[in-house]
Amino acid sequence: RDGKVVEYLVENAIPVYFISGRDSACVRKRAIALGAVPLLGAKDKLKTIKEHTRCGLDRVLFVGDGVQDCEALRAAGVAIAPADASDEAIASSHATTIARGGDGVISEIVTEFLKIRGIWPT
């Protein structure tokens, strides 16, 4: 489910970044296949966001699930944690999804946002 949503965002000129502290060949391949930018092996996610985005942090939507994500969650304009995120990540976020990590989190977030904006394709 998340893949189709990422493709939709990229096709509509909304940049998508996969930011992870792990450098996984599988994640890199998936990100590239979807048109997203893989930023893997990132130890400081907030610094990575600042280095790779051209907009202000108030225009960044960041999804994070661990303690290592808290700084970026607190700085992002919209911060969301999956249902099974760490307590620290949830406390640092504006909202929490119904979906658990790996089970359609991005789809849930983007679909609801675009429906609210009246631009989700039917």
N, C-alpha and C. Protein backbone atom coordinates (compact mmCIF):
# COMPACT_ATOMS: atom_id res chain seq x y z
N ARG A 1 0.81 -1.21 0.00
CA ARG A 1 0.00 0.00 0.00
C ARG A 1 0.84 1.26 0.00
N ASP A 2 1.88 1.27 0.79
CA ASP A 2 2.70 2.48 0.89
C ASP A 2 3.39 2.80 -0.43
N GLY A 3 3.78 1.79 -1.17
CA GLY A 3 4.48 2.02 -2.43
C GLY A 3 3.69 2.84 -3.42
N LYS A 4 2.42 2.53 -3.57
CA LYS A 4 1.56 3.28 -4.51
C LYS A 4 1.44 4.74 -4.08
N VAL A 5 1.35 4.97 -2.79
CA VAL A 5 1.23 6.34 -2.29
C VAL A 5 2.53 7.11 -2.52
N VAL A 6 3.66 6.48 -2.29
CA VAL A 6 4.94 7.13 -2.54
C VAL A 6 5.07 7.47 -4.03
N GLU A 7 4.70 6.53 -4.90
CA GLU A 7 4.73 6.81 -6.34
C GLU A 7 3.83 7.99 -6.69
N TYR A 8 2.65 8.05 -6.10
CA TYR A 8 1.72 9.15 -6.35
C TYR A 8 2.35 10.49 -5.96
N LEU A 9 2.96 10.54 -4.78
CA LEU A 9 3.61 11.77 -4.33
C LEU A 9 4.71 12.20 -5.29
N VAL A 10 5.57 11.27 -5.64
CA VAL A 10 6.69 11.57 -6.54
C VAL A 10 6.17 12.04 -7.90
N GLU A 11 5.15 11.36 -8.43
CA GLU A 11 4.57 11.75 -9.72
C GLU A 11 3.98 13.16 -9.67
N ASN A 12 3.61 13.61 -8.48
CA ASN A 12 3.02 14.94 -8.32
C ASN A 12 4.01 15.94 -7.73
N ALA A 13 5.28 15.68 -7.95
CA ALA A 13 6.38 16.59 -7.59
C ALA A 13 6.49 16.87 -6.09
N ILE A 14 6.10 15.90 -5.27
CA ILE A 14 6.28 16.03 -3.82
C ILE A 14 7.44 15.11 -3.46
N PRO A 15 8.55 15.68 -3.04
CA PRO A 15 9.73 14.85 -2.76
C PRO A 15 9.52 13.93 -1.56
N VAL A 16 10.01 12.72 -1.70
CA VAL A 16 9.92 11.72 -0.64
C VAL A 16 11.34 11.22 -0.36
N TYR A 17 11.71 11.21 0.90
CA TYR A 17 13.02 10.74 1.32
C TYR A 17 12.85 9.55 2.26
N PHE A 18 13.62 8.52 2.04
CA PHE A 18 13.70 7.40 2.99
C PHE A 18 14.94 7.68 3.83
N ILE A 19 14.75 8.06 5.08
CA ILE A 19 15.87 8.38 5.96
C ILE A 19 15.96 7.29 7.02
N SER A 20 17.10 6.65 7.09
CA SER A 20 17.28 5.57 8.06
C SER A 20 18.72 5.56 8.56
N GLY A 21 18.87 5.16 9.78
CA GLY A 21 20.20 4.99 10.35
C GLY A 21 20.89 3.76 9.78
N ARG A 22 20.10 2.83 9.27
CA ARG A 22 20.65 1.62 8.66
C ARG A 22 20.86 1.85 7.17
N ASP A 23 21.89 1.25 6.65
CA ASP A 23 22.16 1.32 5.21
C ASP A 23 21.85 -0.04 4.61
N SER A 24 20.60 -0.22 4.22
CA SER A 24 20.12 -1.49 3.71
C SER A 24 20.01 -1.45 2.19
N ALA A 25 20.61 -2.42 1.53
CA ALA A 25 20.54 -2.51 0.07
C ALA A 25 19.10 -2.68 -0.39
N CYS A 26 18.31 -3.44 0.36
CA CYS A 26 16.90 -3.66 -0.01
C CYS A 26 16.09 -2.36 0.07
N VAL A 27 16.30 -1.60 1.12
CA VAL A 27 15.58 -0.32 1.28
C VAL A 27 16.03 0.65 0.20
N ARG A 28 17.31 0.69 -0.08
CA ARG A 28 17.83 1.58 -1.13
C ARG A 28 17.19 1.23 -2.47
N LYS A 29 17.14 -0.04 -2.80
CA LYS A 29 16.56 -0.49 -4.07
C LYS A 29 15.08 -0.13 -4.14
N ARG A 30 14.35 -0.34 -3.05
CA ARG A 30 12.91 -0.03 -3.02
C ARG A 30 12.68 1.47 -3.17
N ALA A 31 13.43 2.28 -2.45
CA ALA A 31 13.28 3.74 -2.54
C ALA A 31 13.49 4.20 -3.97
N ILE A 32 14.56 3.75 -4.59
CA ILE A 32 14.87 4.16 -5.96
C ILE A 32 13.78 3.70 -6.92
N ALA A 33 13.29 2.48 -6.75
CA ALA A 33 12.23 1.96 -7.62
C ALA A 33 10.96 2.80 -7.53
N LEU A 34 10.69 3.37 -6.37
CA LEU A 34 9.49 4.18 -6.17
C LEU A 34 9.70 5.65 -6.54
N GLY A 35 10.94 6.03 -6.82
CA GLY A 35 11.24 7.42 -7.14
C GLY A 35 11.59 8.26 -5.94
N ALA A 36 11.73 7.63 -4.78
CA ALA A 36 12.11 8.34 -3.56
C ALA A 36 13.64 8.45 -3.49
N VAL A 37 14.11 9.32 -2.61
CA VAL A 37 15.54 9.52 -2.42
C VAL A 37 15.98 8.76 -1.17
N PRO A 38 16.85 7.76 -1.32
CA PRO A 38 17.32 7.03 -0.14
C PRO A 38 18.45 7.78 0.55
N LEU A 39 18.25 8.10 1.82
CA LEU A 39 19.28 8.74 2.63
C LEU A 39 19.56 7.79 3.79
N LEU A 40 20.34 6.78 3.50
CA LEU A 40 20.55 5.69 4.44
C LEU A 40 21.89 5.82 5.15
N GLY A 41 21.96 5.26 6.34
CA GLY A 41 23.15 5.39 7.17
C GLY A 41 23.21 6.74 7.87
N ALA A 42 22.07 7.42 7.93
CA ALA A 42 22.00 8.76 8.54
C ALA A 42 21.92 8.63 10.06
N LYS A 43 22.94 9.06 10.73
CA LYS A 43 22.95 8.99 12.20
C LYS A 43 22.24 10.19 12.82
N ASP A 44 22.29 11.34 12.16
CA ASP A 44 21.62 12.55 12.65
C ASP A 44 20.54 12.91 11.63
N LYS A 45 19.33 12.49 11.89
CA LYS A 45 18.25 12.65 10.92
C LYS A 45 17.84 14.11 10.72
N LEU A 46 17.86 14.91 11.76
CA LEU A 46 17.53 16.32 11.61
C LEU A 46 18.55 17.01 10.71
N LYS A 47 19.82 16.76 10.94
CA LYS A 47 20.87 17.32 10.09
C LYS A 47 20.69 16.86 8.65
N THR A 48 20.33 15.60 8.45
CA THR A 48 20.12 15.06 7.11
C THR A 48 18.96 15.77 6.42
N ILE A 49 17.89 16.01 7.15
CA ILE A 49 16.74 16.73 6.58
C ILE A 49 17.17 18.14 6.16
N LYS A 50 17.87 18.83 7.03
CA LYS A 50 18.30 20.20 6.72
C LYS A 50 19.22 20.25 5.51
N GLU A 51 20.07 19.23 5.35
CA GLU A 51 21.02 19.20 4.23
C GLU A 51 20.36 18.87 2.89
N HIS A 52 19.23 18.17 2.93
CA HIS A 52 18.66 17.65 1.69
C HIS A 52 17.32 18.26 1.28
N THR A 53 16.75 19.11 2.08
CA THR A 53 15.49 19.74 1.69
C THR A 53 15.72 21.22 1.40
N ARG A 54 14.87 21.74 0.56
CA ARG A 54 14.98 23.16 0.19
C ARG A 54 13.87 23.98 0.83
N CYS A 55 13.08 23.36 1.67
CA CYS A 55 11.99 24.09 2.32
C CYS A 55 12.30 24.23 3.81
N GLY A 56 11.54 25.05 4.48
CA GLY A 56 11.70 25.19 5.92
C GLY A 56 11.20 23.95 6.64
N LEU A 57 11.69 23.73 7.83
CA LEU A 57 11.27 22.57 8.61
C LEU A 57 9.77 22.57 8.89
N ASP A 58 9.16 23.76 8.90
CA ASP A 58 7.72 23.84 9.13
C ASP A 58 6.92 23.20 7.99
N ARG A 59 7.57 22.93 6.86
CA ARG A 59 6.91 22.31 5.71
C ARG A 59 7.28 20.83 5.55
N VAL A 60 7.96 20.29 6.54
CA VAL A 60 8.39 18.89 6.51
C VAL A 60 7.43 18.02 7.31
N LEU A 61 7.02 16.91 6.70
CA LEU A 61 6.28 15.87 7.41
C LEU A 61 7.29 14.75 7.65
N PHE A 62 7.49 14.41 8.92
CA PHE A 62 8.46 13.39 9.29
C PHE A 62 7.76 12.29 10.05
N VAL A 63 8.04 11.05 9.69
CA VAL A 63 7.49 9.89 10.38
C VAL A 63 8.65 9.18 11.05
N GLY A 64 8.54 8.98 12.35
CA GLY A 64 9.62 8.31 13.07
C GLY A 64 9.07 7.43 14.18
N ASP A 65 9.83 6.37 14.50
CA ASP A 65 9.32 5.42 15.49
C ASP A 65 10.23 5.16 16.68
N GLY A 66 11.42 5.73 16.66
CA GLY A 66 12.35 5.42 17.74
C GLY A 66 12.91 6.64 18.44
N VAL A 67 13.63 6.39 19.51
CA VAL A 67 14.26 7.45 20.28
C VAL A 67 15.18 8.28 19.39
N GLN A 68 15.86 7.63 18.44
CA GLN A 68 16.78 8.30 17.53
C GLN A 68 16.07 9.28 16.60
N ASP A 69 14.74 9.20 16.52
CA ASP A 69 13.96 10.08 15.65
C ASP A 69 13.40 11.31 16.36
N CYS A 70 13.51 11.36 17.65
CA CYS A 70 12.83 12.39 18.44
C CYS A 70 13.23 13.81 18.08
N GLU A 71 14.50 14.07 17.86
CA GLU A 71 14.93 15.42 17.51
C GLU A 71 14.29 15.88 16.20
N ALA A 72 14.28 15.01 15.19
CA ALA A 72 13.65 15.35 13.91
C ALA A 72 12.13 15.47 14.06
N LEU A 73 11.52 14.63 14.86
CA LEU A 73 10.08 14.71 15.09
C LEU A 73 9.72 16.06 15.72
N ARG A 74 10.48 16.47 16.72
CA ARG A 74 10.19 17.74 17.40
C ARG A 74 10.39 18.95 16.49
N ALA A 75 11.27 18.84 15.50
CA ALA A 75 11.56 19.97 14.62
C ALA A 75 10.63 20.05 13.42
N ALA A 76 10.03 18.95 13.03
CA ALA A 76 9.20 18.91 11.82
C ALA A 76 7.89 19.66 12.00
N GLY A 77 7.42 20.23 10.89
CA GLY A 77 6.13 20.92 10.91
C GLY A 77 4.99 19.98 11.23
N VAL A 78 5.08 18.76 10.72
CA VAL A 78 4.12 17.70 11.03
C VAL A 78 4.92 16.47 11.40
N ALA A 79 4.72 15.98 12.61
CA ALA A 79 5.46 14.82 13.11
C ALA A 79 4.47 13.72 13.47
N ILE A 80 4.70 12.54 12.90
CA ILE A 80 3.77 11.43 13.11
C ILE A 80 4.55 10.19 13.49
N ALA A 81 4.02 9.46 14.45
CA ALA A 81 4.61 8.21 14.88
C ALA A 81 3.64 7.06 14.58
N PRO A 82 4.16 5.92 14.15
CA PRO A 82 3.30 4.74 13.98
C PRO A 82 2.75 4.28 15.33
N ALA A 83 1.69 3.51 15.28
CA ALA A 83 1.04 3.04 16.51
C ALA A 83 1.99 2.29 17.44
N ASP A 84 2.97 1.59 16.88
CA ASP A 84 3.87 0.79 17.70
C ASP A 84 5.23 1.47 17.94
N ALA A 85 5.27 2.78 17.79
CA ALA A 85 6.51 3.53 18.03
C ALA A 85 6.86 3.53 19.52
N SER A 86 8.09 3.92 19.80
CA SER A 86 8.52 4.05 21.19
C SER A 86 7.72 5.16 21.89
N ASP A 87 7.62 5.07 23.19
CA ASP A 87 6.91 6.10 23.95
C ASP A 87 7.51 7.48 23.70
N GLU A 88 8.83 7.54 23.58
CA GLU A 88 9.51 8.82 23.34
C GLU A 88 9.13 9.41 21.99
N ALA A 89 9.06 8.57 20.95
CA ALA A 89 8.69 9.05 19.62
C ALA A 89 7.24 9.53 19.61
N ILE A 90 6.37 8.79 20.26
CA ILE A 90 4.96 9.19 20.33
C ILE A 90 4.83 10.53 21.05
N ALA A 91 5.57 10.71 22.15
CA ALA A 91 5.52 11.96 22.90
C ALA A 91 6.08 13.14 22.09
N SER A 92 6.97 12.87 21.15
CA SER A 92 7.58 13.92 20.32
C SER A 92 6.77 14.24 19.07
N SER A 93 5.68 13.53 18.84
CA SER A 93 4.90 13.65 17.61
C SER A 93 3.61 14.44 17.82
N HIS A 94 3.08 14.96 16.71
CA HIS A 94 1.79 15.64 16.74
C HIS A 94 0.64 14.64 16.71
N ALA A 95 0.87 13.48 16.09
CA ALA A 95 -0.19 12.49 15.94
C ALA A 95 0.42 11.09 15.85
N THR A 96 -0.43 10.11 16.07
CA THR A 96 -0.04 8.71 15.97
C THR A 96 -1.01 8.02 15.02
N THR A 97 -0.49 7.14 14.19
CA THR A 97 -1.34 6.43 13.24
C THR A 97 -2.07 5.26 13.92
N ILE A 98 -3.06 4.77 13.24
CA ILE A 98 -3.72 3.53 13.66
C ILE A 98 -2.85 2.35 13.24
N ALA A 99 -2.23 2.47 12.07
CA ALA A 99 -1.38 1.41 11.53
C ALA A 99 -0.08 1.29 12.31
N ARG A 100 0.41 0.07 12.38
CA ARG A 100 1.72 -0.19 12.97
C ARG A 100 2.78 -0.05 11.87
N GLY A 101 4.02 0.18 12.27
CA GLY A 101 5.10 0.31 11.31
C GLY A 101 5.16 -0.88 10.36
N GLY A 102 5.31 -0.60 9.07
CA GLY A 102 5.37 -1.65 8.07
C GLY A 102 4.02 -2.17 7.62
N ASP A 103 2.96 -1.55 8.14
CA ASP A 103 1.61 -2.03 7.82
C ASP A 103 0.74 -0.92 7.25
N GLY A 104 1.30 -0.08 6.39
CA GLY A 104 0.51 0.95 5.73
C GLY A 104 0.50 2.31 6.40
N VAL A 105 1.51 2.62 7.19
CA VAL A 105 1.58 3.91 7.89
C VAL A 105 1.57 5.08 6.90
N ILE A 106 2.42 5.03 5.89
CA ILE A 106 2.51 6.14 4.93
C ILE A 106 1.21 6.27 4.16
N SER A 107 0.64 5.16 3.78
CA SER A 107 -0.64 5.17 3.07
C SER A 107 -1.72 5.84 3.92
N GLU A 108 -1.78 5.48 5.19
CA GLU A 108 -2.77 6.07 6.10
C GLU A 108 -2.60 7.59 6.19
N ILE A 109 -1.39 8.03 6.39
CA ILE A 109 -1.11 9.46 6.57
C ILE A 109 -1.44 10.25 5.30
N VAL A 110 -0.88 9.83 4.19
CA VAL A 110 -1.03 10.59 2.95
C VAL A 110 -2.45 10.54 2.42
N THR A 111 -3.07 9.39 2.48
CA THR A 111 -4.44 9.27 2.00
C THR A 111 -5.37 10.20 2.77
N GLU A 112 -5.26 10.20 4.08
CA GLU A 112 -6.12 11.07 4.89
C GLU A 112 -5.85 12.54 4.61
N PHE A 113 -4.58 12.91 4.50
CA PHE A 113 -4.23 14.30 4.22
C PHE A 113 -4.81 14.74 2.87
N LEU A 114 -4.61 13.93 1.84
CA LEU A 114 -5.08 14.31 0.52
C LEU A 114 -6.60 14.31 0.43
N LYS A 115 -7.26 13.44 1.18
CA LYS A 115 -8.73 13.46 1.23
C LYS A 115 -9.21 14.76 1.87
N ILE A 116 -8.57 15.15 2.95
CA ILE A 116 -8.93 16.39 3.63
C ILE A 116 -8.75 17.58 2.69
N ARG A 117 -7.69 17.55 1.90
CA ARG A 117 -7.41 18.64 0.95
C ARG A 117 -8.28 18.55 -0.31
N GLY A 118 -9.00 17.44 -0.47
CA GLY A 118 -9.87 17.26 -1.63
C GLY A 118 -9.12 16.94 -2.91
N ILE A 119 -7.92 16.36 -2.79
CA ILE A 119 -7.13 16.08 -3.99
C ILE A 119 -6.74 14.61 -4.12
N TRP A 120 -7.32 13.73 -3.31
CA TRP A 120 -7.02 12.30 -3.44
C TRP A 120 -7.77 11.76 -4.65
N PRO A 121 -7.05 11.06 -5.56
CA PRO A 121 -7.72 10.54 -6.76
C PRO A 121 -8.71 9.45 -6.41
N THR A 122 -9.84 9.44 -7.09
CA THR A 122 -10.86 8.42 -6.81
C THR A 122 -10.70 7.23 -7.70
